Amino acid sequence: MSSRRSRFEIYIDILAQIKSGETLPTRIMYGVNLSWKNLQSTLQSLINQGLIEEFNENEGDNRSKKFYRITEKGDNVLKYFNRIESLMELNLTSTSEYLYRKY
């Protein structure tokens, strides 16, 4: 089985990282274990889809830092994913219990 994450899993990891309070791109990058180039393209994709938004602390300053925050849409995606994940775990547990009882 491959240990590579799908694009969807990377999106979820980034959304979870931002929701947990990491707002700086470098911290997000280390938290989700991505290269800088991959992180930048993924963040842009999440912005384009309306799942996160970018903001600057000192707008107008040449050295202003970029920060990211999750949007309501992004928060909903994360909630739905967590709900589906928990349902699948329950379903897998009940299925394995059924198989063990049957055989």
PDB file of N, CA and C in Angstrom:
ATOM      1  N   MET A   1       0.843  -1.180   0.000  1.00  0.00           N
ATOM      2  CA  MET A   1       0.000   0.000   0.000  1.00  0.00           C
ATOM      3  C   MET A   1       0.887   1.242   0.000  1.00  0.00           C
ATOM      4  N   SER A   2       0.539   2.210  -0.784  1.00  0.00           N
ATOM      5  CA  SER A   2       1.322   3.432  -0.906  1.00  0.00           C
ATOM      6  C   SER A   2       1.099   4.343   0.295  1.00  0.00           C
ATOM      7  N   SER A   3       2.175   5.015   0.717  1.00  0.00           N
ATOM      8  CA  SER A   3       2.056   5.920   1.852  1.00  0.00           C
ATOM      9  C   SER A   3       1.867   7.365   1.399  1.00  0.00           C
ATOM     10  N   ARG A   4       1.718   7.583   0.105  1.00  0.00           N
ATOM     11  CA  ARG A   4       1.510   8.926  -0.412  1.00  0.00           C
ATOM     12  C   ARG A   4       0.096   9.396  -0.122  1.00  0.00           C
ATOM     13  N   ARG A   5      -0.024  10.672   0.214  1.00  0.00           N
ATOM     14  CA  ARG A   5      -1.346  11.243   0.482  1.00  0.00           C
ATOM     15  C   ARG A   5      -1.969  11.722  -0.826  1.00  0.00           C
ATOM     16  N   SER A   6      -3.261  11.632  -0.891  1.00  0.00           N
ATOM     17  CA  SER A   6      -3.977  12.175  -2.039  1.00  0.00           C
ATOM     18  C   SER A   6      -4.062  13.690  -1.893  1.00  0.00           C
ATOM     19  N   ARG A   7      -4.414  14.358  -2.953  1.00  0.00           N
ATOM     20  CA  ARG A   7      -4.580  15.812  -2.900  1.00  0.00           C
ATOM     21  C   ARG A   7      -5.659  16.176  -1.876  1.00  0.00           C
ATOM     22  N   PHE A   8      -6.712  15.387  -1.844  1.00  0.00           N
ATOM     23  CA  PHE A   8      -7.791  15.626  -0.879  1.00  0.00           C
ATOM     24  C   PHE A   8      -7.267  15.549   0.555  1.00  0.00           C
ATOM     25  N   GLU A   9      -6.458  14.530   0.844  1.00  0.00           N
ATOM     26  CA  GLU A   9      -5.901  14.386   2.188  1.00  0.00           C
ATOM     27  C   GLU A   9      -5.001  15.564   2.552  1.00  0.00           C
ATOM     28  N   ILE A  10      -4.252  16.055   1.591  1.00  0.00           N
ATOM     29  CA  ILE A  10      -3.397  17.220   1.822  1.00  0.00           C
ATOM     30  C   ILE A  10      -4.263  18.443   2.101  1.00  0.00           C
ATOM     31  N   TYR A  11      -5.336  18.622   1.340  1.00  0.00           N
ATOM     32  CA  TYR A  11      -6.258  19.737   1.591  1.00  0.00           C
ATOM     33  C   TYR A  11      -6.812  19.674   3.009  1.00  0.00           C
ATOM     34  N   ILE A  12      -7.251  18.500   3.413  1.00  0.00           N
ATOM     35  CA  ILE A  12      -7.819  18.322   4.752  1.00  0.00           C
ATOM     36  C   ILE A  12      -6.765  18.593   5.816  1.00  0.00           C
ATOM     37  N   ASP A  13      -5.544  18.110   5.596  1.00  0.00           N
ATOM     38  CA  ASP A  13      -4.465  18.353   6.554  1.00  0.00           C
ATOM     39  C   ASP A  13      -4.199  19.850   6.712  1.00  0.00           C
ATOM     40  N   ILE A  14      -4.184  20.580   5.601  1.00  0.00           N
ATOM     41  CA  ILE A  14      -3.941  22.024   5.664  1.00  0.00           C
ATOM     42  C   ILE A  14      -5.096  22.734   6.366  1.00  0.00           C
ATOM     43  N   LEU A  15      -6.319  22.382   6.021  1.00  0.00           N
ATOM     44  CA  LEU A  15      -7.477  22.997   6.688  1.00  0.00           C
ATOM     45  C   LEU A  15      -7.439  22.741   8.193  1.00  0.00           C
ATOM     46  N   ALA A  16      -7.109  21.519   8.587  1.00  0.00           N
ATOM     47  CA  ALA A  16      -7.041  21.185  10.010  1.00  0.00           C
ATOM     48  C   ALA A  16      -5.915  21.961  10.694  1.00  0.00           C
ATOM     49  N   GLN A  17      -4.796  22.108  10.014  1.00  0.00           N
ATOM     50  CA  GLN A  17      -3.666  22.837  10.577  1.00  0.00           C
ATOM     51  C   GLN A  17      -4.030  24.302  10.807  1.00  0.00           C
ATOM     52  N   ILE A  18      -4.692  24.910   9.831  1.00  0.00           N
ATOM     53  CA  ILE A  18      -5.100  26.311   9.962  1.00  0.00           C
ATOM     54  C   ILE A  18      -6.158  26.453  11.052  1.00  0.00           C
ATOM     55  N   LYS A  19      -7.099  25.528  11.082  1.00  0.00           N
ATOM     56  CA  LYS A  19      -8.153  25.597  12.108  1.00  0.00           C
ATOM     57  C   LYS A  19      -7.572  25.448  13.512  1.00  0.00           C
ATOM     58  N   SER A  20      -6.498  24.697  13.633  1.00  0.00           N
ATOM     59  CA  SER A  20      -5.888  24.495  14.948  1.00  0.00           C
ATOM     60  C   SER A  20      -5.098  25.712  15.424  1.00  0.00           C
ATOM     61  N   GLY A  21      -4.968  26.721  14.553  1.00  0.00           N
ATOM     62  CA  GLY A  21      -4.324  27.953  14.987  1.00  0.00           C
ATOM     63  C   GLY A  21      -3.060  28.333  14.255  1.00  0.00           C
ATOM     64  N   GLU A  22      -2.562  27.464  13.389  1.00  0.00           N
ATOM     65  CA  GLU A  22      -1.372  27.810  12.610  1.00  0.00           C
ATOM     66  C   GLU A  22      -1.790  28.710  11.455  1.00  0.00           C
ATOM     67  N   THR A  23      -1.299  29.936  11.442  1.00  0.00           N
ATOM     68  CA  THR A  23      -1.700  30.883  10.408  1.00  0.00           C
ATOM     69  C   THR A  23      -0.555  31.285   9.491  1.00  0.00           C
ATOM     70  N   LEU A  24       0.676  31.057   9.912  1.00  0.00           N
ATOM     71  CA  LEU A  24       1.839  31.409   9.103  1.00  0.00           C
ATOM     72  C   LEU A  24       2.156  30.300   8.111  1.00  0.00           C
ATOM     73  N   PRO A  25       2.462  30.655   6.871  1.00  0.00           N
ATOM     74  CA  PRO A  25       2.701  29.625   5.856  1.00  0.00           C
ATOM     75  C   PRO A  25       3.844  28.664   6.209  1.00  0.00           C
ATOM     76  N   THR A  26       4.899  29.156   6.817  1.00  0.00           N
ATOM     77  CA  THR A  26       6.012  28.275   7.166  1.00  0.00           C
ATOM     78  C   THR A  26       5.586  27.251   8.203  1.00  0.00           C
ATOM     79  N   ARG A  27       4.819  27.675   9.179  1.00  0.00           N
ATOM     80  CA  ARG A  27       4.326  26.750  10.212  1.00  0.00           C
ATOM     81  C   ARG A  27       3.382  25.713   9.613  1.00  0.00           C
ATOM     82  N   ILE A  28       2.544  26.176   8.686  1.00  0.00           N
ATOM     83  CA  ILE A  28       1.625  25.249   8.003  1.00  0.00           C
ATOM     84  C   ILE A  28       2.433  24.224   7.223  1.00  0.00           C
ATOM     85  N   MET A  29       3.454  24.704   6.508  1.00  0.00           N
ATOM     86  CA  MET A  29       4.300  23.838   5.693  1.00  0.00           C
ATOM     87  C   MET A  29       4.916  22.722   6.539  1.00  0.00           C
ATOM     88  N   TYR A  30       5.496  23.082   7.679  1.00  0.00           N
ATOM     89  CA  TYR A  30       6.102  22.070   8.552  1.00  0.00           C
ATOM     90  C   TYR A  30       5.044  21.161   9.170  1.00  0.00           C
ATOM     91  N   GLY A  31       3.901  21.732   9.519  1.00  0.00           N
ATOM     92  CA  GLY A  31       2.847  20.948  10.157  1.00  0.00           C
ATOM     93  C   GLY A  31       2.260  19.872   9.265  1.00  0.00           C
ATOM     94  N   VAL A  32       2.186  20.155   7.964  1.00  0.00           N
ATOM     95  CA  VAL A  32       1.599  19.177   7.037  1.00  0.00           C
ATOM     96  C   VAL A  32       2.657  18.453   6.210  1.00  0.00           C
ATOM     97  N   ASN A  33       3.926  18.780   6.473  1.00  0.00           N
ATOM     98  CA  ASN A  33       5.043  18.100   5.825  1.00  0.00           C
ATOM     99  C   ASN A  33       4.987  18.201   4.292  1.00  0.00           C
ATOM    100  N   LEU A  34       4.977  19.435   3.808  1.00  0.00           N
ATOM    101  CA  LEU A  34       4.997  19.703   2.366  1.00  0.00           C
ATOM    102  C   LEU A  34       6.188  20.582   2.021  1.00  0.00           C
ATOM    103  N   SER A  35       6.596  20.519   0.772  1.00  0.00           N
ATOM    104  CA  SER A  35       7.619  21.453   0.312  1.00  0.00           C
ATOM    105  C   SER A  35       6.978  22.825   0.125  1.00  0.00           C
ATOM    106  N   TRP A  36       7.817  23.852   0.079  1.00  0.00           N
ATOM    107  CA  TRP A  36       7.321  25.221  -0.066  1.00  0.00           C
ATOM    108  C   TRP A  36       6.531  25.385  -1.369  1.00  0.00           C
ATOM    109  N   LYS A  37       7.055  24.854  -2.460  1.00  0.00           N
ATOM    110  CA  LYS A  37       6.399  24.984  -3.771  1.00  0.00           C
ATOM    111  C   LYS A  37       5.021  24.321  -3.769  1.00  0.00           C
ATOM    112  N   ASN A  38       4.962  23.117  -3.242  1.00  0.00           N
ATOM    113  CA  ASN A  38       3.673  22.402  -3.177  1.00  0.00           C
ATOM    114  C   ASN A  38       2.689  23.117  -2.263  1.00  0.00           C
ATOM    115  N   LEU A  39       3.193  23.637  -1.150  1.00  0.00           N
ATOM    116  CA  LEU A  39       2.321  24.363  -0.230  1.00  0.00           C
ATOM    117  C   LEU A  39       1.723  25.587  -0.910  1.00  0.00           C
ATOM    118  N   GLN A  40       2.552  26.353  -1.609  1.00  0.00           N
ATOM    119  CA  GLN A  40       2.077  27.575  -2.248  1.00  0.00           C
ATOM    120  C   GLN A  40       0.968  27.288  -3.266  1.00  0.00           C
ATOM    121  N   SER A  41       1.166  26.272  -4.088  1.00  0.00           N
ATOM    122  CA  SER A  41       0.133  25.955  -5.087  1.00  0.00           C
ATOM    123  C   SER A  41      -1.141  25.431  -4.419  1.00  0.00           C
ATOM    124  N   THR A  42      -0.998  24.665  -3.349  1.00  0.00           N
ATOM    125  CA  THR A  42      -2.161  24.127  -2.644  1.00  0.00           C
ATOM    126  C   THR A  42      -2.911  25.228  -1.910  1.00  0.00           C
ATOM    127  N   LEU A  43      -2.188  26.141  -1.264  1.00  0.00           N
ATOM    128  CA  LEU A  43      -2.842  27.267  -0.604  1.00  0.00           C
ATOM    129  C   LEU A  43      -3.621  28.106  -1.607  1.00  0.00           C
ATOM    130  N   GLN A  44      -3.029  28.342  -2.777  1.00  0.00           N
ATOM    131  CA  GLN A  44      -3.714  29.125  -3.802  1.00  0.00           C
ATOM    132  C   GLN A  44      -4.986  28.418  -4.272  1.00  0.00           C
ATOM    133  N   SER A  45      -4.920  27.116  -4.401  1.00  0.00           N
ATOM    134  CA  SER A  45      -6.097  26.347  -4.795  1.00  0.00           C
ATOM    135  C   SER A  45      -7.189  26.439  -3.732  1.00  0.00           C
ATOM    136  N   LEU A  46      -6.805  26.362  -2.463  1.00  0.00           N
ATOM    137  CA  LEU A  46      -7.778  26.478  -1.376  1.00  0.00           C
ATOM    138  C   LEU A  46      -8.395  27.877  -1.332  1.00  0.00           C
ATOM    139  N   ILE A  47      -7.594  28.903  -1.625  1.00  0.00           N
ATOM    140  CA  ILE A  47      -8.113  30.272  -1.690  1.00  0.00           C
ATOM    141  C   ILE A  47      -9.102  30.396  -2.838  1.00  0.00           C
ATOM    142  N   ASN A  48      -8.742  29.873  -4.004  1.00  0.00           N
ATOM    143  CA  ASN A  48      -9.616  29.945  -5.185  1.00  0.00           C
ATOM    144  C   ASN A  48     -10.950  29.248  -4.964  1.00  0.00           C
ATOM    145  N   GLN A  49     -10.949  28.210  -4.140  1.00  0.00           N
ATOM    146  CA  GLN A  49     -12.182  27.475  -3.851  1.00  0.00           C
ATOM    147  C   GLN A  49     -12.971  28.088  -2.695  1.00  0.00           C
ATOM    148  N   GLY A  50     -12.409  29.113  -2.071  1.00  0.00           N
ATOM    149  CA  GLY A  50     -13.101  29.779  -0.971  1.00  0.00           C
ATOM    150  C   GLY A  50     -13.038  29.043   0.349  1.00  0.00           C
ATOM    151  N   LEU A  51     -12.055  28.141   0.504  1.00  0.00           N
ATOM    152  CA  LEU A  51     -11.943  27.361   1.731  1.00  0.00           C
ATOM    153  C   LEU A  51     -11.072  28.051   2.778  1.00  0.00           C
ATOM    154  N   ILE A  52     -10.129  28.875   2.318  1.00  0.00           N
ATOM    155  CA  ILE A  52      -9.312  29.683   3.221  1.00  0.00           C
ATOM    156  C   ILE A  52      -9.194  31.073   2.622  1.00  0.00           C
ATOM    157  N   GLU A  53      -8.753  32.021   3.440  1.00  0.00           N
ATOM    158  CA  GLU A  53      -8.481  33.356   2.924  1.00  0.00           C
ATOM    159  C   GLU A  53      -7.140  33.828   3.444  1.00  0.00           C
ATOM    160  N   GLU A  54      -6.519  34.656   2.631  1.00  0.00           N
ATOM    161  CA  GLU A  54      -5.209  35.199   2.966  1.00  0.00           C
ATOM    162  C   GLU A  54      -5.397  36.627   3.453  1.00  0.00           C
ATOM    163  N   PHE A  55      -4.638  37.001   4.479  1.00  0.00           N
ATOM    164  CA  PHE A  55      -4.679  38.387   4.930  1.00  0.00           C
ATOM    165  C   PHE A  55      -3.285  38.798   5.366  1.00  0.00           C
ATOM    166  N   ASN A  56      -3.045  40.096   5.389  1.00  0.00           N
ATOM    167  CA  ASN A  56      -1.760  40.651   5.783  1.00  0.00           C
ATOM    168  C   ASN A  56      -1.912  41.371   7.110  1.00  0.00           C
ATOM    169  N   GLU A  57      -0.890  41.247   7.942  1.00  0.00           N
ATOM    170  CA  GLU A  57      -0.930  41.915   9.237  1.00  0.00           C
ATOM    171  C   GLU A  57      -0.745  43.427   9.072  1.00  0.00           C
ATOM    172  N   ASN A  58       0.212  43.837   8.295  1.00  0.00           N
ATOM    173  CA  ASN A  58       0.510  45.258   8.087  1.00  0.00           C
ATOM    174  C   ASN A  58       0.352  45.599   6.610  1.00  0.00           C
ATOM    175  N   GLU A  59      -0.866  45.774   6.174  1.00  0.00           N
ATOM    176  CA  GLU A  59      -1.075  46.101   4.765  1.00  0.00           C
ATOM    177  C   GLU A  59      -0.433  47.422   4.426  1.00  0.00           C
ATOM    178  N   GLY A  60       0.169  47.490   3.278  1.00  0.00           N
ATOM    179  CA  GLY A  60       0.852  48.693   2.846  1.00  0.00           C
ATOM    180  C   GLY A  60       2.331  48.656   3.164  1.00  0.00           C
ATOM    181  N   ASP A  61       2.722  47.869   4.154  1.00  0.00           N
ATOM    182  CA  ASP A  61       4.127  47.715   4.513  1.00  0.00           C
ATOM    183  C   ASP A  61       4.775  46.749   3.521  1.00  0.00           C
ATOM    184  N   ASN A  62       5.965  47.069   3.069  1.00  0.00           N
ATOM    185  CA  ASN A  62       6.662  46.208   2.110  1.00  0.00           C
ATOM    186  C   ASN A  62       6.997  44.841   2.703  1.00  0.00           C
ATOM    187  N   ARG A  63       7.134  44.785   4.006  1.00  0.00           N
ATOM    188  CA  ARG A  63       7.517  43.531   4.649  1.00  0.00           C
ATOM    189  C   ARG A  63       6.338  42.890   5.374  1.00  0.00           C
ATOM    190  N   SER A  64       5.138  43.142   4.916  1.00  0.00           N
ATOM    191  CA  SER A  64       3.968  42.568   5.585  1.00  0.00           C
ATOM    192  C   SER A  64       3.956  41.051   5.408  1.00  0.00           C
ATOM    193  N   LYS A  65       3.557  40.368   6.450  1.00  0.00           N
ATOM    194  CA  LYS A  65       3.508  38.908   6.430  1.00  0.00           C
ATOM    195  C   LYS A  65       2.137  38.439   5.984  1.00  0.00           C
ATOM    196  N   LYS A  66       2.130  37.314   5.293  1.00  0.00           N
ATOM    197  CA  LYS A  66       0.871  36.695   4.899  1.00  0.00           C
ATOM    198  C   LYS A  66       0.443  35.721   5.984  1.00  0.00           C
ATOM    199  N   PHE A  67      -0.837  35.748   6.269  1.00  0.00           N
ATOM    200  CA  PHE A  67      -1.449  34.825   7.214  1.00  0.00           C
ATOM    201  C   PHE A  67      -2.643  34.183   6.522  1.00  0.00           C
ATOM    202  N   TYR A  68      -3.079  33.047   7.047  1.00  0.00           N
ATOM    203  CA  TYR A  68      -4.217  32.346   6.470  1.00  0.00           C
ATOM    204  C   TYR A  68      -5.225  32.028   7.558  1.00  0.00           C
ATOM    205  N   ARG A  69      -6.495  32.078   7.190  1.00  0.00           N
ATOM    206  CA  ARG A  69      -7.554  31.668   8.115  1.00  0.00           C
ATOM    207  C   ARG A  69      -8.583  30.874   7.321  1.00  0.00           C
ATOM    208  N   ILE A  70      -9.213  29.983   8.025  1.00  0.00           N
ATOM    209  CA  ILE A  70     -10.210  29.126   7.408  1.00  0.00           C
ATOM    210  C   ILE A  70     -11.514  29.909   7.275  1.00  0.00           C
ATOM    211  N   THR A  71     -12.225  29.697   6.181  1.00  0.00           N
ATOM    212  CA  THR A  71     -13.517  30.352   5.977  1.00  0.00           C
ATOM    213  C   THR A  71     -14.617  29.441   6.517  1.00  0.00           C
ATOM    214  N   GLU A  72     -15.819  29.953   6.514  1.00  0.00           N
ATOM    215  CA  GLU A  72     -16.955  29.142   6.957  1.00  0.00           C
ATOM    216  C   GLU A  72     -17.113  27.910   6.060  1.00  0.00           C
ATOM    217  N   LYS A  73     -16.920  28.105   4.768  1.00  0.00           N
ATOM    218  CA  LYS A  73     -17.009  26.990   3.816  1.00  0.00           C
ATOM    219  C   LYS A  73     -15.936  25.943   4.128  1.00  0.00           C
ATOM    220  N   GLY A  74     -14.713  26.397   4.402  1.00  0.00           N
ATOM    221  CA  GLY A  74     -13.632  25.482   4.745  1.00  0.00           C
ATOM    222  C   GLY A  74     -13.905  24.741   6.043  1.00  0.00           C
ATOM    223  N   ASP A  75     -14.462  25.449   7.004  1.00  0.00           N
ATOM    224  CA  ASP A  75     -14.815  24.834   8.281  1.00  0.00           C
ATOM    225  C   ASP A  75     -15.880  23.762   8.073  1.00  0.00           C
ATOM    226  N   ASN A  76     -16.852  24.032   7.213  1.00  0.00           N
ATOM    227  CA  ASN A  76     -17.894  23.039   6.915  1.00  0.00           C
ATOM    228  C   ASN A  76     -17.305  21.806   6.243  1.00  0.00           C
ATOM    229  N   VAL A  77     -16.381  22.008   5.312  1.00  0.00           N
ATOM    230  CA  VAL A  77     -15.731  20.868   4.644  1.00  0.00           C
ATOM    231  C   VAL A  77     -15.026  20.005   5.677  1.00  0.00           C
ATOM    232  N   LEU A  78     -14.305  20.639   6.589  1.00  0.00           N
ATOM    233  CA  LEU A  78     -13.586  19.912   7.627  1.00  0.00           C
ATOM    234  C   LEU A  78     -14.550  19.156   8.545  1.00  0.00           C
ATOM    235  N   LYS A  79     -15.664  19.794   8.913  1.00  0.00           N
ATOM    236  CA  LYS A  79     -16.663  19.127   9.749  1.00  0.00           C
ATOM    237  C   LYS A  79     -17.279  17.929   9.046  1.00  0.00           C
ATOM    238  N   TYR A  80     -17.619  18.099   7.756  1.00  0.00           N
ATOM    239  CA  TYR A  80     -18.204  16.992   7.005  1.00  0.00           C
ATOM    240  C   TYR A  80     -17.217  15.843   6.864  1.00  0.00           C
ATOM    241  N   PHE A  81     -15.963  16.171   6.607  1.00  0.00           N
ATOM    242  CA  PHE A  81     -14.950  15.126   6.484  1.00  0.00           C
ATOM    243  C   PHE A  81     -14.827  14.350   7.801  1.00  0.00           C
ATOM    244  N   ASN A  82     -14.740  15.074   8.917  1.00  0.00           N
ATOM    245  CA  ASN A  82     -14.617  14.410  10.219  1.00  0.00           C
ATOM    246  C   ASN A  82     -15.834  13.550  10.525  1.00  0.00           C
ATOM    247  N   ARG A  83     -16.995  14.025  10.127  1.00  0.00           N
ATOM    248  CA  ARG A  83     -18.235  13.254  10.339  1.00  0.00           C
ATOM    249  C   ARG A  83     -18.204  11.970   9.512  1.00  0.00           C
ATOM    250  N   ILE A  84     -17.822  12.081   8.251  1.00  0.00           N
ATOM    251  CA  ILE A  84     -17.750  10.901   7.380  1.00  0.00           C
ATOM    252  C   ILE A  84     -16.712   9.922   7.904  1.00  0.00           C
ATOM    253  N   GLU A  85     -15.575  10.458   8.323  1.00  0.00           N
ATOM    254  CA  GLU A  85     -14.519   9.597   8.854  1.00  0.00           C
ATOM    255  C   GLU A  85     -14.998   8.832  10.076  1.00  0.00           C
ATOM    256  N   SER A  86     -15.711   9.497  10.964  1.00  0.00           N
ATOM    257  CA  SER A  86     -16.199   8.810  12.168  1.00  0.00           C
ATOM    258  C   SER A  86     -17.265   7.774  11.811  1.00  0.00           C
ATOM    259  N   LEU A  87     -18.109   8.072  10.834  1.00  0.00           N
ATOM    260  CA  LEU A  87     -19.123   7.098  10.414  1.00  0.00           C
ATOM    261  C   LEU A  87     -18.480   5.874   9.781  1.00  0.00           C
ATOM    262  N   MET A  88     -17.444   6.105   8.997  1.00  0.00           N
ATOM    263  CA  MET A  88     -16.767   4.978   8.355  1.00  0.00           C
ATOM    264  C   MET A  88     -16.077   4.108   9.390  1.00  0.00           C
ATOM    265  N   GLU A  89     -15.483   4.693  10.415  1.00  0.00           N
ATOM    266  CA  GLU A  89     -14.836   3.910  11.455  1.00  0.00           C
ATOM    267  C   GLU A  89     -15.868   3.072  12.200  1.00  0.00           C
ATOM    268  N   LEU A  90     -17.032   3.662  12.487  1.00  0.00           N
ATOM    269  CA  LEU A  90     -18.087   2.912  13.157  1.00  0.00           C
ATOM    270  C   LEU A  90     -18.581   1.781  12.271  1.00  0.00           C
ATOM    271  N   ASN A  91     -18.760   2.074  10.996  1.00  0.00           N
ATOM    272  CA  ASN A  91     -19.227   1.080  10.061  1.00  0.00           C
ATOM    273  C   ASN A  91     -18.216  -0.047   9.920  1.00  0.00           C
ATOM    274  N   LEU A  92     -16.940   0.275   9.832  1.00  0.00           N
ATOM    275  CA  LEU A  92     -15.922  -0.762   9.716  1.00  0.00           C
ATOM    276  C   LEU A  92     -15.869  -1.616  10.971  1.00  0.00           C
ATOM    277  N   THR A  93     -16.025  -0.998  12.118  1.00  0.00           N
ATOM    278  CA  THR A  93     -16.015  -1.744  13.371  1.00  0.00           C
ATOM    279  C   THR A  93     -17.197  -2.692  13.425  1.00  0.00           C
ATOM    280  N   SER A  94     -18.391  -2.203  13.069  1.00  0.00           N
ATOM    281  CA  SER A  94     -19.565  -3.068  13.123  1.00  0.00           C
ATOM    282  C   SER A  94     -19.475  -4.182  12.081  1.00  0.00           C
ATOM    283  N   THR A  95     -18.883  -3.895  10.928  1.00  0.00           N
ATOM    284  CA  THR A  95     -18.724  -4.917   9.898  1.00  0.00           C
ATOM    285  C   THR A  95     -17.763  -5.998  10.376  1.00  0.00           C
ATOM    286  N   SER A  96     -16.633  -5.592  10.976  1.00  0.00           N
ATOM    287  CA  SER A  96     -15.679  -6.592  11.447  1.00  0.00           C
ATOM    288  C   SER A  96     -16.276  -7.409  12.590  1.00  0.00           C
ATOM    289  N   GLU A  97     -17.077  -6.771  13.459  1.00  0.00           N
ATOM    290  CA  GLU A  97     -17.738  -7.514  14.533  1.00  0.00           C
ATOM    291  C   GLU A  97     -18.706  -8.540  13.945  1.00  0.00           C
ATOM    292  N   TYR A  98     -19.428  -8.154  12.893  1.00  0.00           N
ATOM    293  CA  TYR A  98     -20.364  -9.052  12.232  1.00  0.00           C
ATOM    294  C   TYR A  98     -19.612 -10.235  11.633  1.00  0.00           C
ATOM    295  N   LEU A  99     -18.496  -9.963  10.978  1.00  0.00           N
ATOM    296  CA  LEU A  99     -17.740 -11.045  10.352  1.00  0.00           C
ATOM    297  C   LEU A  99     -17.189 -12.015  11.382  1.00  0.00           C
ATOM    298  N   TYR A 100     -16.724 -11.493  12.512  1.00  0.00           N
ATOM    299  CA  TYR A 100     -16.198 -12.354  13.544  1.00  0.00           C
ATOM    300  C   TYR A 100     -17.283 -13.221  14.169  1.00  0.00           C
ATOM    301  N   ARG A 101     -18.481 -12.659  14.332  1.00  0.00           N
ATOM    302  CA  ARG A 101     -19.583 -13.429  14.925  1.00  0.00           C
ATOM    303  C   ARG A 101     -20.091 -14.487  13.953  1.00  0.00           C
ATOM    304  N   LYS A 102     -20.062 -14.158  12.663  1.00  0.00           N
ATOM    305  CA  LYS A 102     -20.604 -15.059  11.659  1.00  0.00           C
ATOM    306  C   LYS A 102     -19.701 -16.292  11.482  1.00  0.00           C
ATOM    307  N   TYR A 103     -18.390 -16.085  11.590  1.00  0.00           N
ATOM    308  CA  TYR A 103     -17.472 -17.200  11.318  1.00  0.00           C
ATOM    309  C   TYR A 103     -16.862 -17.643  12.563  1.00  0.00           C
TER     310      TYR A 103
END
